Amino acid sequence: MKLSTARVDLATIMEATLPDAVSVVDHLPDSITPPCVLVAWADPWVKPATLCAYEAAMELLVIAQRIEPGGKLETLEEIVSAILPAMKANPDWQVVDVTAPYPMNVAGVDYLAASVNLTYDMEDM
């Protein structure tokens, strides 16, 4: 898979997987409306996998809701629970890990988020 198509392909998988109420964004937005999943490159972006192949890293940034007193984790848990089997069904993608929930500040507002970190094989370049 080429770098030029990976982000769009991953966004397409997410759109087919997640409920309509969860928006999927494959570019850097100037604002967000949760719940949403941002498809982004991760760091390191590309690294050697073997002598002849590379792997690229991507991140699905899951943003569930504003952080408020007494807030719940269910939305975040449901989105991550939907993503994992979809990634398992797509052999080009490997889930590296999923972070614990954390606060993410966007434009002065704290949101509940988690990152699903993925890699994919770039042998077909």
N, C-alpha and C. Protein backbone atom coordinates (compact mmCIF):
# COMPACT_ATOMS: atom_id res chain seq x y z
N MET A 1 0.85 -1.18 0.00
CA MET A 1 0.00 0.00 0.00
C MET A 1 0.89 1.24 0.00
N LYS A 2 0.52 2.23 -0.73
CA LYS A 2 1.30 3.45 -0.84
C LYS A 2 0.86 4.46 0.21
N LEU A 3 1.79 5.32 0.58
CA LEU A 3 1.47 6.38 1.55
C LEU A 3 0.31 7.24 1.06
N SER A 4 0.28 7.48 -0.23
CA SER A 4 -0.74 8.37 -0.78
C SER A 4 -2.17 7.84 -0.64
N THR A 5 -2.32 6.54 -0.46
CA THR A 5 -3.68 5.99 -0.34
C THR A 5 -4.00 5.45 1.05
N ALA A 6 -3.01 5.25 1.88
CA ALA A 6 -3.23 4.60 3.18
C ALA A 6 -4.23 5.34 4.06
N ARG A 7 -4.05 6.65 4.18
CA ARG A 7 -4.93 7.43 5.06
C ARG A 7 -6.38 7.39 4.58
N VAL A 8 -6.56 7.53 3.29
CA VAL A 8 -7.92 7.50 2.72
C VAL A 8 -8.53 6.11 2.86
N ASP A 9 -7.73 5.07 2.62
CA ASP A 9 -8.22 3.70 2.76
C ASP A 9 -8.64 3.41 4.20
N LEU A 10 -7.83 3.86 5.16
CA LEU A 10 -8.18 3.64 6.57
C LEU A 10 -9.45 4.41 6.94
N ALA A 11 -9.60 5.61 6.45
CA ALA A 11 -10.83 6.38 6.71
C ALA A 11 -12.05 5.66 6.12
N THR A 12 -11.90 5.07 4.94
CA THR A 12 -13.00 4.33 4.32
C THR A 12 -13.39 3.13 5.17
N ILE A 13 -12.41 2.42 5.71
CA ILE A 13 -12.70 1.29 6.61
C ILE A 13 -13.46 1.77 7.83
N MET A 14 -13.04 2.90 8.40
CA MET A 14 -13.70 3.43 9.59
C MET A 14 -15.13 3.87 9.29
N GLU A 15 -15.35 4.50 8.14
CA GLU A 15 -16.70 4.93 7.77
C GLU A 15 -17.63 3.75 7.61
N ALA A 16 -17.12 2.63 7.10
CA ALA A 16 -17.94 1.43 6.93
C ALA A 16 -18.18 0.72 8.26
N THR A 17 -17.34 0.96 9.24
CA THR A 17 -17.38 0.24 10.51
C THR A 17 -18.20 0.96 11.58
N LEU A 18 -18.03 2.25 11.66
CA LEU A 18 -18.60 3.01 12.78
C LEU A 18 -20.02 3.48 12.49
N PRO A 19 -20.82 3.67 13.54
CA PRO A 19 -22.18 4.18 13.34
C PRO A 19 -22.14 5.59 12.73
N ASP A 20 -23.23 5.97 12.08
CA ASP A 20 -23.31 7.28 11.44
C ASP A 20 -23.09 8.43 12.41
N ALA A 21 -23.39 8.22 13.69
CA ALA A 21 -23.24 9.28 14.69
C ALA A 21 -21.78 9.62 14.96
N VAL A 22 -20.86 8.74 14.55
CA VAL A 22 -19.43 8.97 14.75
C VAL A 22 -18.83 9.45 13.43
N SER A 23 -18.38 10.68 13.40
CA SER A 23 -17.79 11.20 12.16
C SER A 23 -16.34 10.73 12.04
N VAL A 24 -15.91 10.54 10.80
CA VAL A 24 -14.53 10.13 10.51
C VAL A 24 -13.89 11.27 9.73
N VAL A 25 -12.74 11.73 10.21
CA VAL A 25 -12.05 12.87 9.61
C VAL A 25 -10.66 12.41 9.18
N ASP A 26 -10.33 12.56 7.90
CA ASP A 26 -9.04 12.11 7.40
C ASP A 26 -8.10 13.26 7.06
N HIS A 27 -8.33 14.40 7.67
CA HIS A 27 -7.47 15.57 7.48
C HIS A 27 -7.40 16.31 8.82
N LEU A 28 -6.52 17.29 8.93
CA LEU A 28 -6.42 18.06 10.17
C LEU A 28 -7.52 19.11 10.19
N PRO A 29 -8.50 18.94 11.07
CA PRO A 29 -9.63 19.88 11.09
C PRO A 29 -9.31 21.12 11.93
N ASP A 30 -10.07 22.19 11.69
CA ASP A 30 -9.89 23.37 12.53
C ASP A 30 -10.80 23.32 13.76
N SER A 31 -11.76 22.40 13.76
CA SER A 31 -12.61 22.18 14.92
C SER A 31 -13.15 20.75 14.86
N ILE A 32 -13.63 20.26 15.98
CA ILE A 32 -14.18 18.90 16.02
C ILE A 32 -15.56 18.91 16.66
N THR A 33 -16.34 17.91 16.30
CA THR A 33 -17.63 17.67 16.93
C THR A 33 -17.67 16.20 17.32
N PRO A 34 -17.49 15.93 18.61
CA PRO A 34 -17.49 14.52 19.03
C PRO A 34 -18.89 13.93 19.02
N PRO A 35 -18.99 12.61 18.93
CA PRO A 35 -17.89 11.67 18.82
C PRO A 35 -17.33 11.64 17.40
N CYS A 36 -16.00 11.49 17.33
CA CYS A 36 -15.36 11.43 16.03
C CYS A 36 -14.07 10.62 16.12
N VAL A 37 -13.59 10.22 14.95
CA VAL A 37 -12.31 9.52 14.84
C VAL A 37 -11.48 10.28 13.82
N LEU A 38 -10.31 10.74 14.25
CA LEU A 38 -9.38 11.41 13.34
C LEU A 38 -8.37 10.38 12.86
N VAL A 39 -8.20 10.29 11.56
CA VAL A 39 -7.22 9.39 10.96
C VAL A 39 -5.96 10.21 10.72
N ALA A 40 -4.86 9.83 11.38
CA ALA A 40 -3.64 10.64 11.31
C ALA A 40 -2.41 9.76 11.21
N TRP A 41 -1.32 10.35 10.74
CA TRP A 41 -0.04 9.66 10.75
C TRP A 41 0.49 9.65 12.17
N ALA A 42 1.23 8.61 12.52
CA ALA A 42 1.84 8.50 13.84
C ALA A 42 3.35 8.67 13.71
N ASP A 43 4.01 8.70 14.84
CA ASP A 43 5.46 8.88 14.86
C ASP A 43 6.12 7.68 15.52
N PRO A 44 7.11 7.06 14.91
CA PRO A 44 7.71 7.43 13.63
C PRO A 44 6.79 7.10 12.47
N TRP A 45 6.79 7.93 11.48
CA TRP A 45 5.88 7.79 10.34
C TRP A 45 6.21 6.53 9.55
N VAL A 46 7.46 6.37 9.14
CA VAL A 46 7.88 5.20 8.36
C VAL A 46 9.17 4.67 8.97
N LYS A 47 9.27 3.34 9.07
CA LYS A 47 10.51 2.73 9.56
C LYS A 47 10.73 1.39 8.84
N PRO A 48 11.98 0.93 8.82
CA PRO A 48 12.25 -0.35 8.16
C PRO A 48 11.56 -1.50 8.89
N ALA A 49 11.00 -2.42 8.13
CA ALA A 49 10.41 -3.63 8.70
C ALA A 49 11.36 -4.80 8.48
N THR A 50 11.98 -4.83 7.31
CA THR A 50 13.00 -5.82 6.95
C THR A 50 14.02 -5.08 6.09
N LEU A 51 14.98 -5.81 5.54
CA LEU A 51 15.95 -5.17 4.65
C LEU A 51 15.30 -4.63 3.38
N CYS A 52 14.17 -5.21 2.99
CA CYS A 52 13.54 -4.85 1.71
C CYS A 52 12.18 -4.20 1.85
N ALA A 53 11.71 -4.02 3.05
CA ALA A 53 10.34 -3.51 3.21
C ALA A 53 10.29 -2.48 4.34
N TYR A 54 9.25 -1.68 4.29
CA TYR A 54 9.01 -0.66 5.30
C TYR A 54 7.62 -0.84 5.88
N GLU A 55 7.42 -0.24 7.05
CA GLU A 55 6.07 -0.17 7.60
C GLU A 55 5.82 1.27 8.01
N ALA A 56 4.59 1.67 7.87
CA ALA A 56 4.19 3.02 8.25
C ALA A 56 3.26 2.95 9.46
N ALA A 57 3.28 4.00 10.24
CA ALA A 57 2.47 4.04 11.45
C ALA A 57 1.34 5.06 11.30
N MET A 58 0.17 4.65 11.72
CA MET A 58 -0.99 5.54 11.70
C MET A 58 -1.66 5.50 13.06
N GLU A 59 -2.45 6.51 13.31
CA GLU A 59 -3.16 6.63 14.58
C GLU A 59 -4.63 6.94 14.29
N LEU A 60 -5.49 6.20 14.96
CA LEU A 60 -6.90 6.56 14.98
C LEU A 60 -7.14 7.25 16.31
N LEU A 61 -7.34 8.53 16.25
CA LEU A 61 -7.56 9.33 17.45
C LEU A 61 -9.06 9.36 17.71
N VAL A 62 -9.48 8.62 18.72
CA VAL A 62 -10.90 8.51 19.05
C VAL A 62 -11.24 9.58 20.08
N ILE A 63 -12.15 10.46 19.72
CA ILE A 63 -12.56 11.54 20.62
C ILE A 63 -14.04 11.34 20.91
N ALA A 64 -14.34 11.06 22.18
CA ALA A 64 -15.70 10.65 22.53
C ALA A 64 -16.61 11.80 22.93
N GLN A 65 -16.13 12.67 23.81
CA GLN A 65 -17.01 13.69 24.37
C GLN A 65 -16.19 14.70 25.15
N ARG A 66 -16.83 15.80 25.52
CA ARG A 66 -16.20 16.75 26.43
C ARG A 66 -16.05 16.09 27.78
N ILE A 67 -14.99 16.45 28.47
CA ILE A 67 -14.82 15.94 29.84
C ILE A 67 -15.63 16.81 30.77
N GLU A 68 -16.55 16.17 31.48
CA GLU A 68 -17.41 16.86 32.42
C GLU A 68 -17.49 16.05 33.71
N PRO A 69 -17.79 16.69 34.83
CA PRO A 69 -17.92 15.93 36.07
C PRO A 69 -18.95 14.81 35.92
N GLY A 70 -18.58 13.62 36.37
CA GLY A 70 -19.49 12.48 36.27
C GLY A 70 -19.58 11.92 34.86
N GLY A 71 -18.67 12.33 33.98
CA GLY A 71 -18.69 11.84 32.61
C GLY A 71 -18.49 10.34 32.55
N LYS A 72 -18.97 9.75 31.49
CA LYS A 72 -18.90 8.30 31.34
C LYS A 72 -17.92 7.92 30.23
N LEU A 73 -17.46 6.68 30.30
CA LEU A 73 -16.51 6.16 29.32
C LEU A 73 -17.17 5.32 28.22
N GLU A 74 -18.47 5.08 28.31
CA GLU A 74 -19.12 4.13 27.42
C GLU A 74 -18.96 4.45 25.94
N THR A 75 -19.09 5.72 25.57
CA THR A 75 -18.96 6.07 24.15
C THR A 75 -17.58 5.73 23.63
N LEU A 76 -16.55 6.08 24.39
CA LEU A 76 -15.18 5.77 24.00
C LEU A 76 -14.98 4.25 23.91
N GLU A 77 -15.47 3.54 24.89
CA GLU A 77 -15.35 2.08 24.90
C GLU A 77 -16.06 1.44 23.71
N GLU A 78 -17.23 1.93 23.36
CA GLU A 78 -17.98 1.37 22.24
C GLU A 78 -17.27 1.62 20.90
N ILE A 79 -16.71 2.81 20.72
CA ILE A 79 -16.02 3.10 19.47
C ILE A 79 -14.77 2.24 19.32
N VAL A 80 -13.97 2.16 20.38
CA VAL A 80 -12.75 1.33 20.32
C VAL A 80 -13.13 -0.13 20.11
N SER A 81 -14.19 -0.59 20.76
CA SER A 81 -14.63 -1.98 20.61
C SER A 81 -15.10 -2.28 19.18
N ALA A 82 -15.57 -1.29 18.46
CA ALA A 82 -15.97 -1.49 17.06
C ALA A 82 -14.74 -1.47 16.13
N ILE A 83 -13.75 -0.67 16.47
CA ILE A 83 -12.55 -0.53 15.62
C ILE A 83 -11.72 -1.81 15.61
N LEU A 84 -11.52 -2.43 16.77
CA LEU A 84 -10.59 -3.56 16.86
C LEU A 84 -10.95 -4.74 15.95
N PRO A 85 -12.19 -5.23 15.93
CA PRO A 85 -12.49 -6.33 15.00
C PRO A 85 -12.40 -5.92 13.53
N ALA A 86 -12.69 -4.66 13.23
CA ALA A 86 -12.57 -4.19 11.84
C ALA A 86 -11.12 -4.22 11.40
N MET A 87 -10.21 -3.88 12.28
CA MET A 87 -8.79 -3.92 11.93
C MET A 87 -8.30 -5.35 11.81
N LYS A 88 -8.80 -6.22 12.64
CA LYS A 88 -8.42 -7.64 12.56
C LYS A 88 -8.88 -8.24 11.23
N ALA A 89 -9.99 -7.77 10.71
CA ALA A 89 -10.53 -8.28 9.44
C ALA A 89 -9.78 -7.73 8.23
N ASN A 90 -8.91 -6.76 8.43
CA ASN A 90 -8.12 -6.17 7.34
C ASN A 90 -6.65 -6.51 7.57
N PRO A 91 -6.15 -7.55 6.93
CA PRO A 91 -4.80 -8.06 7.23
C PRO A 91 -3.66 -7.10 6.90
N ASP A 92 -3.90 -6.05 6.12
CA ASP A 92 -2.84 -5.08 5.84
C ASP A 92 -2.50 -4.25 7.07
N TRP A 93 -3.44 -4.19 8.00
CA TRP A 93 -3.27 -3.34 9.19
C TRP A 93 -3.06 -4.19 10.42
N GLN A 94 -2.13 -3.78 11.28
CA GLN A 94 -1.91 -4.44 12.56
C GLN A 94 -2.11 -3.42 13.67
N VAL A 95 -2.87 -3.81 14.68
CA VAL A 95 -3.03 -2.95 15.85
C VAL A 95 -1.80 -3.13 16.72
N VAL A 96 -1.12 -2.04 17.00
CA VAL A 96 0.06 -2.07 17.87
C VAL A 96 -0.37 -2.00 19.32
N ASP A 97 -1.23 -1.02 19.62
CA ASP A 97 -1.77 -0.87 20.97
C ASP A 97 -2.89 0.15 20.97
N VAL A 98 -3.54 0.25 22.10
CA VAL A 98 -4.58 1.26 22.32
C VAL A 98 -4.24 1.93 23.64
N THR A 99 -4.16 3.24 23.63
CA THR A 99 -3.82 3.95 24.86
C THR A 99 -4.99 3.93 25.84
N ALA A 100 -4.67 4.18 27.08
CA ALA A 100 -5.73 4.40 28.08
C ALA A 100 -6.41 5.73 27.76
N PRO A 101 -7.64 5.90 28.20
CA PRO A 101 -8.31 7.19 27.98
C PRO A 101 -7.48 8.34 28.57
N TYR A 102 -7.48 9.46 27.87
CA TYR A 102 -6.73 10.62 28.33
C TYR A 102 -7.45 11.90 27.92
N PRO A 103 -7.16 13.01 28.61
CA PRO A 103 -7.76 14.28 28.20
C PRO A 103 -7.00 14.87 27.02
N MET A 104 -7.74 15.37 26.05
CA MET A 104 -7.14 16.02 24.88
C MET A 104 -7.72 17.42 24.77
N ASN A 105 -6.85 18.41 24.75
CA ASN A 105 -7.31 19.79 24.69
C ASN A 105 -7.35 20.26 23.24
N VAL A 106 -8.53 20.72 22.82
CA VAL A 106 -8.71 21.28 21.49
C VAL A 106 -9.39 22.63 21.67
N ALA A 107 -8.69 23.69 21.29
CA ALA A 107 -9.23 25.05 21.37
C ALA A 107 -9.75 25.39 22.76
N GLY A 108 -9.01 24.96 23.78
CA GLY A 108 -9.38 25.29 25.16
C GLY A 108 -10.43 24.40 25.78
N VAL A 109 -10.86 23.38 25.08
CA VAL A 109 -11.87 22.45 25.59
C VAL A 109 -11.22 21.08 25.77
N ASP A 110 -11.44 20.47 26.93
CA ASP A 110 -10.90 19.14 27.20
C ASP A 110 -11.89 18.07 26.76
N TYR A 111 -11.39 17.12 25.94
CA TYR A 111 -12.18 16.01 25.44
C TYR A 111 -11.60 14.70 25.94
N LEU A 112 -12.45 13.70 26.08
CA LEU A 112 -12.02 12.36 26.44
C LEU A 112 -11.60 11.65 25.16
N ALA A 113 -10.36 11.14 25.14
CA ALA A 113 -9.82 10.55 23.91
C ALA A 113 -9.02 9.29 24.23
N ALA A 114 -8.76 8.52 23.18
CA ALA A 114 -7.86 7.38 23.22
C ALA A 114 -7.28 7.23 21.82
N SER A 115 -6.08 6.66 21.74
CA SER A 115 -5.43 6.47 20.45
C SER A 115 -5.30 4.99 20.14
N VAL A 116 -5.78 4.60 18.95
CA VAL A 116 -5.56 3.25 18.45
C VAL A 116 -4.39 3.36 17.48
N ASN A 117 -3.26 2.75 17.84
CA ASN A 117 -2.04 2.86 17.05
C ASN A 117 -1.90 1.65 16.15
N LEU A 118 -1.65 1.92 14.86
CA LEU A 118 -1.62 0.87 13.84
C LEU A 118 -0.35 0.95 13.02
N THR A 119 -0.01 -0.15 12.39
CA THR A 119 1.03 -0.16 11.36
C THR A 119 0.47 -0.86 10.14
N TYR A 120 1.07 -0.59 9.00
CA TYR A 120 0.74 -1.34 7.79
C TYR A 120 2.01 -1.54 6.98
N ASP A 121 2.00 -2.63 6.24
CA ASP A 121 3.12 -3.05 5.41
C ASP A 121 3.18 -2.23 4.14
N MET A 122 4.36 -1.75 3.81
CA MET A 122 4.52 -0.95 2.59
C MET A 122 5.26 -1.74 1.51
N GLU A 123 5.18 -3.04 1.51
CA GLU A 123 5.90 -3.87 0.54
C GLU A 123 5.47 -3.59 -0.90
N ASP A 124 4.26 -3.15 -1.10
CA ASP A 124 3.73 -2.94 -2.45
C ASP A 124 4.08 -1.59 -3.04
N MET A 125 5.03 -0.88 -2.48
CA MET A 125 5.36 0.46 -2.96
C MET A 125 5.91 0.44 -4.36
